């Protein structure tokens, strides 16, 4: 780890790592040992739900339906926070509380889509390490 940058996304706990592994490890009661199957189930659920919420947020931005944007962002914020997806939670919180123009909401929705994919990739890397 010494020869990698601090913000290298492949380094757990680095600034750009999309997942705070401690959040899930604490939720599951400890370290990585023996959590592979549970983690796989959690990741599969997060992947389906987060992508569906992002798609719904994009549709709500196009509508535009501000109430739906806020409701969906609130829901995604909670789920991503539980999975340790810090940046997804931060962007969701910003979108939830944003009284922005549709253009600004659209930009946030696209950033959110990118961060959801980064979080899913980070979770999958972690799962691969537990197997």
N, C-alpha and C. Protein backbone atom coordinates (compact mmCIF):
# COMPACT_ATOMS: atom_id res chain seq x y z
N UNK A 1 0.82 -1.19 0.00
CA UNK A 1 0.00 0.00 0.00
C UNK A 1 0.87 1.26 0.00
N UNK A 2 2.08 1.15 0.44
CA UNK A 2 2.95 2.31 0.54
C UNK A 2 3.24 2.95 -0.81
N UNK A 3 3.27 2.15 -1.88
CA UNK A 3 3.58 2.74 -3.17
C UNK A 3 2.35 3.15 -3.96
N UNK A 4 1.18 3.10 -3.35
CA UNK A 4 -0.05 3.58 -4.01
C UNK A 4 -0.41 4.95 -3.48
N UNK A 5 -1.06 5.71 -4.33
CA UNK A 5 -1.53 7.03 -3.93
C UNK A 5 -2.60 6.91 -2.85
N UNK A 6 -2.70 7.91 -2.00
CA UNK A 6 -3.71 7.91 -0.94
C UNK A 6 -5.12 7.92 -1.52
N UNK A 7 -5.30 8.53 -2.69
CA UNK A 7 -6.63 8.59 -3.27
C UNK A 7 -6.86 7.50 -4.31
N UNK A 8 -6.04 6.46 -4.32
CA UNK A 8 -6.21 5.33 -5.23
C UNK A 8 -7.50 4.60 -4.85
N UNK A 9 -8.47 4.49 -5.78
CA UNK A 9 -9.74 3.86 -5.45
C UNK A 9 -9.64 2.38 -5.14
N UNK A 10 -8.52 1.75 -5.43
CA UNK A 10 -8.38 0.34 -5.11
C UNK A 10 -7.88 0.12 -3.69
N UNK A 11 -7.54 1.19 -3.00
CA UNK A 11 -7.05 1.08 -1.63
C UNK A 11 -8.21 1.31 -0.67
N UNK A 12 -8.60 0.25 0.09
CA UNK A 12 -9.70 0.43 1.04
C UNK A 12 -9.40 1.58 2.00
N UNK A 13 -10.39 2.41 2.21
CA UNK A 13 -10.25 3.53 3.13
C UNK A 13 -9.61 4.76 2.51
N UNK A 14 -9.19 4.69 1.24
CA UNK A 14 -8.61 5.87 0.62
C UNK A 14 -9.71 6.88 0.35
N UNK A 15 -9.29 8.10 0.08
CA UNK A 15 -10.24 9.19 -0.14
C UNK A 15 -11.22 8.87 -1.26
N UNK A 16 -10.77 8.20 -2.33
CA UNK A 16 -11.66 7.97 -3.46
C UNK A 16 -12.28 6.57 -3.46
N UNK A 17 -12.00 5.77 -2.45
CA UNK A 17 -12.65 4.46 -2.33
C UNK A 17 -14.15 4.71 -2.15
N UNK A 18 -14.99 4.15 -3.01
CA UNK A 18 -16.42 4.46 -2.94
C UNK A 18 -17.15 3.80 -1.78
N UNK A 19 -16.52 2.87 -1.09
CA UNK A 19 -17.19 2.14 -0.01
C UNK A 19 -16.41 2.28 1.29
N UNK A 20 -17.12 2.59 2.35
CA UNK A 20 -16.55 2.56 3.69
C UNK A 20 -16.86 1.17 4.24
N UNK A 21 -15.91 0.27 4.12
CA UNK A 21 -16.12 -1.13 4.50
C UNK A 21 -16.47 -1.30 5.97
N UNK A 22 -16.00 -0.40 6.80
CA UNK A 22 -16.30 -0.51 8.23
C UNK A 22 -17.79 -0.44 8.51
N UNK A 23 -18.53 0.31 7.70
CA UNK A 23 -19.97 0.44 7.91
C UNK A 23 -20.64 -0.94 7.82
N UNK A 24 -20.34 -1.68 6.77
CA UNK A 24 -20.96 -2.99 6.59
C UNK A 24 -20.37 -4.01 7.56
N UNK A 25 -19.06 -3.96 7.76
CA UNK A 25 -18.43 -4.90 8.70
C UNK A 25 -19.04 -4.75 10.09
N UNK A 26 -19.26 -3.52 10.52
CA UNK A 26 -19.89 -3.29 11.83
C UNK A 26 -21.32 -3.79 11.84
N UNK A 27 -22.02 -3.57 10.75
CA UNK A 27 -23.40 -4.04 10.63
C UNK A 27 -23.47 -5.56 10.73
N UNK A 28 -22.48 -6.24 10.14
CA UNK A 28 -22.46 -7.69 10.13
C UNK A 28 -21.72 -8.29 11.32
N UNK A 29 -21.21 -7.43 12.18
CA UNK A 29 -20.62 -7.91 13.42
C UNK A 29 -19.16 -8.27 13.39
N UNK A 30 -18.39 -7.63 12.54
CA UNK A 30 -16.97 -7.90 12.62
C UNK A 30 -16.22 -7.73 11.33
N UNK A 31 -15.25 -8.62 11.13
CA UNK A 31 -14.35 -8.50 9.99
C UNK A 31 -14.91 -9.21 8.76
N UNK A 32 -14.09 -9.33 7.73
CA UNK A 32 -14.50 -9.92 6.46
C UNK A 32 -14.75 -11.43 6.54
N UNK A 33 -14.16 -12.09 7.54
CA UNK A 33 -14.23 -13.55 7.62
C UNK A 33 -15.68 -14.02 7.75
N UNK A 34 -16.09 -14.87 6.84
CA UNK A 34 -17.41 -15.48 6.91
C UNK A 34 -18.57 -14.62 6.47
N UNK A 35 -18.31 -13.46 5.90
CA UNK A 35 -19.44 -12.60 5.51
C UNK A 35 -19.72 -12.65 4.02
N UNK A 36 -19.00 -13.47 3.28
CA UNK A 36 -19.11 -13.49 1.82
C UNK A 36 -20.52 -13.69 1.32
N UNK A 37 -21.24 -14.69 1.84
CA UNK A 37 -22.59 -14.97 1.34
C UNK A 37 -23.56 -13.85 1.69
N UNK A 38 -23.47 -13.36 2.90
CA UNK A 38 -24.35 -12.25 3.31
C UNK A 38 -24.02 -11.01 2.49
N UNK A 39 -22.74 -10.75 2.32
CA UNK A 39 -22.30 -9.60 1.55
C UNK A 39 -22.80 -9.70 0.11
N UNK A 40 -22.73 -10.88 -0.47
CA UNK A 40 -23.20 -11.09 -1.85
C UNK A 40 -24.68 -10.75 -1.95
N UNK A 41 -25.48 -11.17 -0.98
CA UNK A 41 -26.91 -10.86 -0.99
C UNK A 41 -27.15 -9.36 -0.85
N UNK A 42 -26.41 -8.72 0.06
CA UNK A 42 -26.57 -7.28 0.26
C UNK A 42 -26.20 -6.51 -1.01
N UNK A 43 -25.11 -6.92 -1.65
CA UNK A 43 -24.66 -6.24 -2.87
C UNK A 43 -25.70 -6.40 -3.98
N UNK A 44 -26.21 -7.62 -4.14
CA UNK A 44 -27.22 -7.86 -5.19
C UNK A 44 -28.44 -6.98 -4.98
N UNK A 45 -28.89 -6.89 -3.74
CA UNK A 45 -30.06 -6.05 -3.43
C UNK A 45 -29.75 -4.58 -3.68
N UNK A 46 -28.60 -4.12 -3.21
CA UNK A 46 -28.21 -2.73 -3.40
C UNK A 46 -28.11 -2.41 -4.89
N UNK A 47 -27.50 -3.30 -5.65
CA UNK A 47 -27.32 -3.08 -7.08
C UNK A 47 -28.66 -2.89 -7.79
N UNK A 48 -29.59 -3.75 -7.52
CA UNK A 48 -30.92 -3.67 -8.15
C UNK A 48 -31.65 -2.40 -7.72
N UNK A 49 -31.69 -2.17 -6.42
CA UNK A 49 -32.45 -1.03 -5.89
C UNK A 49 -31.82 0.31 -6.25
N UNK A 50 -30.50 0.40 -6.14
CA UNK A 50 -29.84 1.68 -6.44
C UNK A 50 -29.98 2.04 -7.91
N UNK A 51 -29.79 1.06 -8.79
CA UNK A 51 -29.94 1.35 -10.22
C UNK A 51 -31.38 1.73 -10.56
N UNK A 52 -32.34 1.07 -9.94
CA UNK A 52 -33.75 1.39 -10.18
C UNK A 52 -34.07 2.81 -9.69
N UNK A 53 -33.53 3.17 -8.55
CA UNK A 53 -33.78 4.53 -8.02
C UNK A 53 -33.12 5.58 -8.91
N UNK A 54 -31.93 5.31 -9.39
CA UNK A 54 -31.27 6.27 -10.29
C UNK A 54 -32.09 6.44 -11.57
N UNK A 55 -32.58 5.34 -12.12
CA UNK A 55 -33.41 5.43 -13.33
C UNK A 55 -34.68 6.24 -13.05
N UNK A 56 -35.28 6.02 -11.89
CA UNK A 56 -36.49 6.76 -11.53
C UNK A 56 -36.18 8.24 -11.28
N UNK A 57 -35.03 8.53 -10.69
CA UNK A 57 -34.62 9.92 -10.48
C UNK A 57 -34.42 10.61 -11.83
N UNK A 58 -33.77 9.93 -12.76
CA UNK A 58 -33.58 10.51 -14.10
C UNK A 58 -34.93 10.81 -14.75
N UNK A 59 -35.88 9.89 -14.62
CA UNK A 59 -37.21 10.10 -15.20
C UNK A 59 -37.91 11.27 -14.52
N UNK A 60 -37.76 11.37 -13.20
CA UNK A 60 -38.38 12.46 -12.46
C UNK A 60 -37.76 13.81 -12.83
N UNK A 61 -36.47 13.81 -13.11
CA UNK A 61 -35.81 15.05 -13.55
C UNK A 61 -36.37 15.48 -14.89
N UNK A 62 -36.58 14.53 -15.79
CA UNK A 62 -37.11 14.86 -17.12
C UNK A 62 -38.56 15.31 -17.06
N UNK A 63 -39.34 14.83 -16.07
CA UNK A 63 -40.78 15.08 -16.01
C UNK A 63 -41.14 16.57 -15.94
N UNK A 64 -40.65 17.45 -15.22
CA UNK A 64 -39.96 17.33 -13.95
C UNK A 64 -40.94 17.11 -12.79
N UNK A 65 -40.53 16.28 -11.84
CA UNK A 65 -41.34 15.96 -10.66
C UNK A 65 -40.44 16.10 -9.43
N UNK A 66 -40.41 17.30 -8.88
CA UNK A 66 -39.52 17.63 -7.77
C UNK A 66 -39.81 16.76 -6.55
N UNK A 67 -41.08 16.52 -6.26
CA UNK A 67 -41.42 15.69 -5.10
C UNK A 67 -40.86 14.28 -5.26
N UNK A 68 -40.98 13.71 -6.44
CA UNK A 68 -40.45 12.37 -6.69
C UNK A 68 -38.93 12.36 -6.59
N UNK A 69 -38.28 13.39 -7.10
CA UNK A 69 -36.82 13.49 -7.00
C UNK A 69 -36.41 13.45 -5.54
N UNK A 70 -37.04 14.28 -4.74
CA UNK A 70 -36.68 14.35 -3.31
C UNK A 70 -36.97 13.03 -2.60
N UNK A 71 -38.11 12.43 -2.88
CA UNK A 71 -38.48 11.15 -2.23
C UNK A 71 -37.50 10.04 -2.61
N UNK A 72 -37.19 9.93 -3.89
CA UNK A 72 -36.27 8.89 -4.35
C UNK A 72 -34.86 9.12 -3.83
N UNK A 73 -34.42 10.37 -3.84
CA UNK A 73 -33.08 10.69 -3.33
C UNK A 73 -32.99 10.37 -1.85
N UNK A 74 -34.06 10.65 -1.10
CA UNK A 74 -34.08 10.33 0.33
C UNK A 74 -33.93 8.82 0.54
N UNK A 75 -34.66 8.06 -0.22
CA UNK A 75 -34.59 6.60 -0.11
C UNK A 75 -33.21 6.07 -0.47
N UNK A 76 -32.63 6.58 -1.55
CA UNK A 76 -31.30 6.15 -1.97
C UNK A 76 -30.25 6.56 -0.94
N UNK A 77 -30.43 7.70 -0.34
CA UNK A 77 -29.50 8.18 0.70
C UNK A 77 -29.43 7.17 1.84
N UNK A 78 -30.57 6.69 2.29
CA UNK A 78 -30.58 5.74 3.40
C UNK A 78 -29.94 4.41 3.03
N UNK A 79 -30.30 3.87 1.88
CA UNK A 79 -29.75 2.59 1.46
C UNK A 79 -28.26 2.65 1.21
N UNK A 80 -27.81 3.73 0.59
CA UNK A 80 -26.38 3.84 0.29
C UNK A 80 -25.58 4.10 1.56
N UNK A 81 -26.15 4.83 2.49
CA UNK A 81 -25.47 5.03 3.77
C UNK A 81 -25.28 3.72 4.51
N UNK A 82 -26.27 2.86 4.46
CA UNK A 82 -26.19 1.55 5.11
C UNK A 82 -25.14 0.66 4.46
N UNK A 83 -24.87 0.88 3.18
CA UNK A 83 -23.88 0.08 2.46
C UNK A 83 -22.49 0.72 2.49
N UNK A 84 -22.36 1.85 3.14
CA UNK A 84 -21.06 2.51 3.21
C UNK A 84 -20.68 3.26 1.95
N UNK A 85 -21.65 3.51 1.07
CA UNK A 85 -21.40 4.23 -0.17
C UNK A 85 -21.50 5.73 0.13
N UNK A 86 -20.42 6.27 0.65
CA UNK A 86 -20.41 7.65 1.15
C UNK A 86 -20.77 8.70 0.11
N UNK A 87 -20.18 8.61 -1.06
CA UNK A 87 -20.42 9.64 -2.08
C UNK A 87 -21.84 9.54 -2.65
N UNK A 88 -22.36 8.32 -2.76
CA UNK A 88 -23.75 8.15 -3.20
C UNK A 88 -24.67 8.80 -2.17
N UNK A 89 -24.41 8.56 -0.90
CA UNK A 89 -25.22 9.15 0.17
C UNK A 89 -25.12 10.68 0.15
N UNK A 90 -23.91 11.20 -0.06
CA UNK A 90 -23.72 12.66 -0.09
C UNK A 90 -24.48 13.29 -1.25
N UNK A 91 -24.34 12.71 -2.44
CA UNK A 91 -25.04 13.25 -3.60
C UNK A 91 -26.55 13.12 -3.45
N UNK A 92 -27.00 12.02 -2.88
CA UNK A 92 -28.44 11.82 -2.65
C UNK A 92 -28.97 12.88 -1.69
N UNK A 93 -28.19 13.14 -0.63
CA UNK A 93 -28.59 14.17 0.34
C UNK A 93 -28.67 15.53 -0.34
N UNK A 94 -27.70 15.83 -1.19
CA UNK A 94 -27.70 17.11 -1.91
C UNK A 94 -28.91 17.20 -2.84
N UNK A 95 -29.19 16.13 -3.56
CA UNK A 95 -30.33 16.12 -4.48
C UNK A 95 -31.66 16.18 -3.72
N UNK A 96 -31.71 15.53 -2.58
CA UNK A 96 -32.93 15.52 -1.76
C UNK A 96 -33.27 16.93 -1.28
N UNK A 97 -32.27 17.67 -0.91
CA UNK A 97 -32.52 18.99 -0.31
C UNK A 97 -32.40 20.12 -1.32
N UNK A 98 -32.12 19.79 -2.54
CA UNK A 98 -31.84 20.80 -3.57
C UNK A 98 -33.13 21.40 -4.11
N UNK A 99 -33.20 22.70 -4.10
CA UNK A 99 -34.25 23.41 -4.81
C UNK A 99 -33.58 24.04 -6.03
N UNK A 100 -33.16 23.16 -6.91
CA UNK A 100 -32.37 23.58 -8.06
C UNK A 100 -33.20 23.56 -9.33
N UNK A 101 -32.63 24.12 -10.33
CA UNK A 101 -33.27 24.07 -11.65
C UNK A 101 -33.15 22.64 -12.18
N UNK A 102 -34.00 22.28 -13.14
CA UNK A 102 -33.90 20.94 -13.72
C UNK A 102 -32.51 20.63 -14.28
N UNK A 103 -31.81 21.62 -14.79
CA UNK A 103 -30.45 21.41 -15.28
C UNK A 103 -29.50 20.99 -14.19
N UNK A 104 -29.60 21.66 -13.05
CA UNK A 104 -28.74 21.31 -11.91
C UNK A 104 -29.11 19.94 -11.36
N UNK A 105 -30.41 19.67 -11.28
CA UNK A 105 -30.83 18.36 -10.80
C UNK A 105 -30.38 17.26 -11.77
N UNK A 106 -30.40 17.57 -13.05
CA UNK A 106 -29.93 16.61 -14.05
C UNK A 106 -28.45 16.29 -13.89
N UNK A 107 -27.66 17.33 -13.63
CA UNK A 107 -26.22 17.13 -13.42
C UNK A 107 -26.00 16.26 -12.19
N UNK A 108 -26.70 16.57 -11.10
CA UNK A 108 -26.57 15.76 -9.88
C UNK A 108 -27.02 14.32 -10.12
N UNK A 109 -28.09 14.14 -10.88
CA UNK A 109 -28.58 12.79 -11.18
C UNK A 109 -27.53 12.00 -11.96
N UNK A 110 -26.85 12.64 -12.89
CA UNK A 110 -25.82 11.95 -13.67
C UNK A 110 -24.60 11.63 -12.80
N UNK A 111 -24.23 12.56 -11.93
CA UNK A 111 -23.13 12.28 -10.99
C UNK A 111 -23.49 11.11 -10.08
N UNK A 112 -24.73 11.09 -9.65
CA UNK A 112 -25.23 10.02 -8.80
C UNK A 112 -25.15 8.68 -9.52
N UNK A 113 -25.52 8.65 -10.79
CA UNK A 113 -25.46 7.41 -11.57
C UNK A 113 -24.02 6.88 -11.64
N UNK A 114 -23.07 7.78 -11.85
CA UNK A 114 -21.66 7.39 -11.91
C UNK A 114 -21.21 6.84 -10.56
N UNK A 115 -21.58 7.52 -9.49
CA UNK A 115 -21.16 7.09 -8.16
C UNK A 115 -21.81 5.78 -7.73
N UNK A 116 -23.03 5.54 -8.16
CA UNK A 116 -23.68 4.25 -7.86
C UNK A 116 -22.87 3.13 -8.51
N UNK A 117 -22.45 3.33 -9.75
CA UNK A 117 -21.66 2.30 -10.44
C UNK A 117 -20.30 2.11 -9.77
N UNK A 118 -19.69 3.19 -9.32
CA UNK A 118 -18.42 3.08 -8.58
C UNK A 118 -18.63 2.31 -7.28
N UNK A 119 -19.71 2.59 -6.59
CA UNK A 119 -19.99 1.90 -5.33
C UNK A 119 -20.21 0.41 -5.57
N UNK A 120 -20.96 0.08 -6.61
CA UNK A 120 -21.20 -1.32 -6.93
C UNK A 120 -19.87 -2.01 -7.25
N UNK A 121 -19.03 -1.36 -8.03
CA UNK A 121 -17.72 -1.93 -8.35
C UNK A 121 -16.87 -2.12 -7.09
N UNK A 122 -16.91 -1.15 -6.20
CA UNK A 122 -16.17 -1.25 -4.94
C UNK A 122 -16.69 -2.39 -4.07
N UNK A 123 -18.00 -2.55 -4.03
CA UNK A 123 -18.59 -3.65 -3.26
C UNK A 123 -18.21 -5.00 -3.88
N UNK A 124 -18.23 -5.07 -5.17
CA UNK A 124 -17.84 -6.33 -5.84
C UNK A 124 -16.38 -6.67 -5.59
N UNK A 125 -15.50 -5.66 -5.61
CA UNK A 125 -14.08 -5.90 -5.30
C UNK A 125 -13.96 -6.48 -3.89
N UNK A 126 -14.68 -5.91 -2.98
CA UNK A 126 -14.63 -6.38 -1.60
C UNK A 126 -15.13 -7.81 -1.51
N UNK A 127 -16.22 -8.09 -2.19
CA UNK A 127 -16.76 -9.45 -2.20
C UNK A 127 -15.73 -10.43 -2.76
N UNK A 128 -15.08 -10.06 -3.84
CA UNK A 128 -14.05 -10.94 -4.42
C UNK A 128 -12.94 -11.22 -3.41
N UNK A 129 -12.60 -10.22 -2.60
CA UNK A 129 -11.54 -10.39 -1.60
C UNK A 129 -11.98 -11.31 -0.45
N UNK A 130 -13.27 -11.42 -0.21
CA UNK A 130 -13.75 -12.26 0.89
C UNK A 130 -13.88 -13.72 0.50
N UNK A 131 -13.77 -13.99 -0.77
CA UNK A 131 -13.94 -15.38 -1.25
C UNK A 131 -12.63 -16.11 -1.32
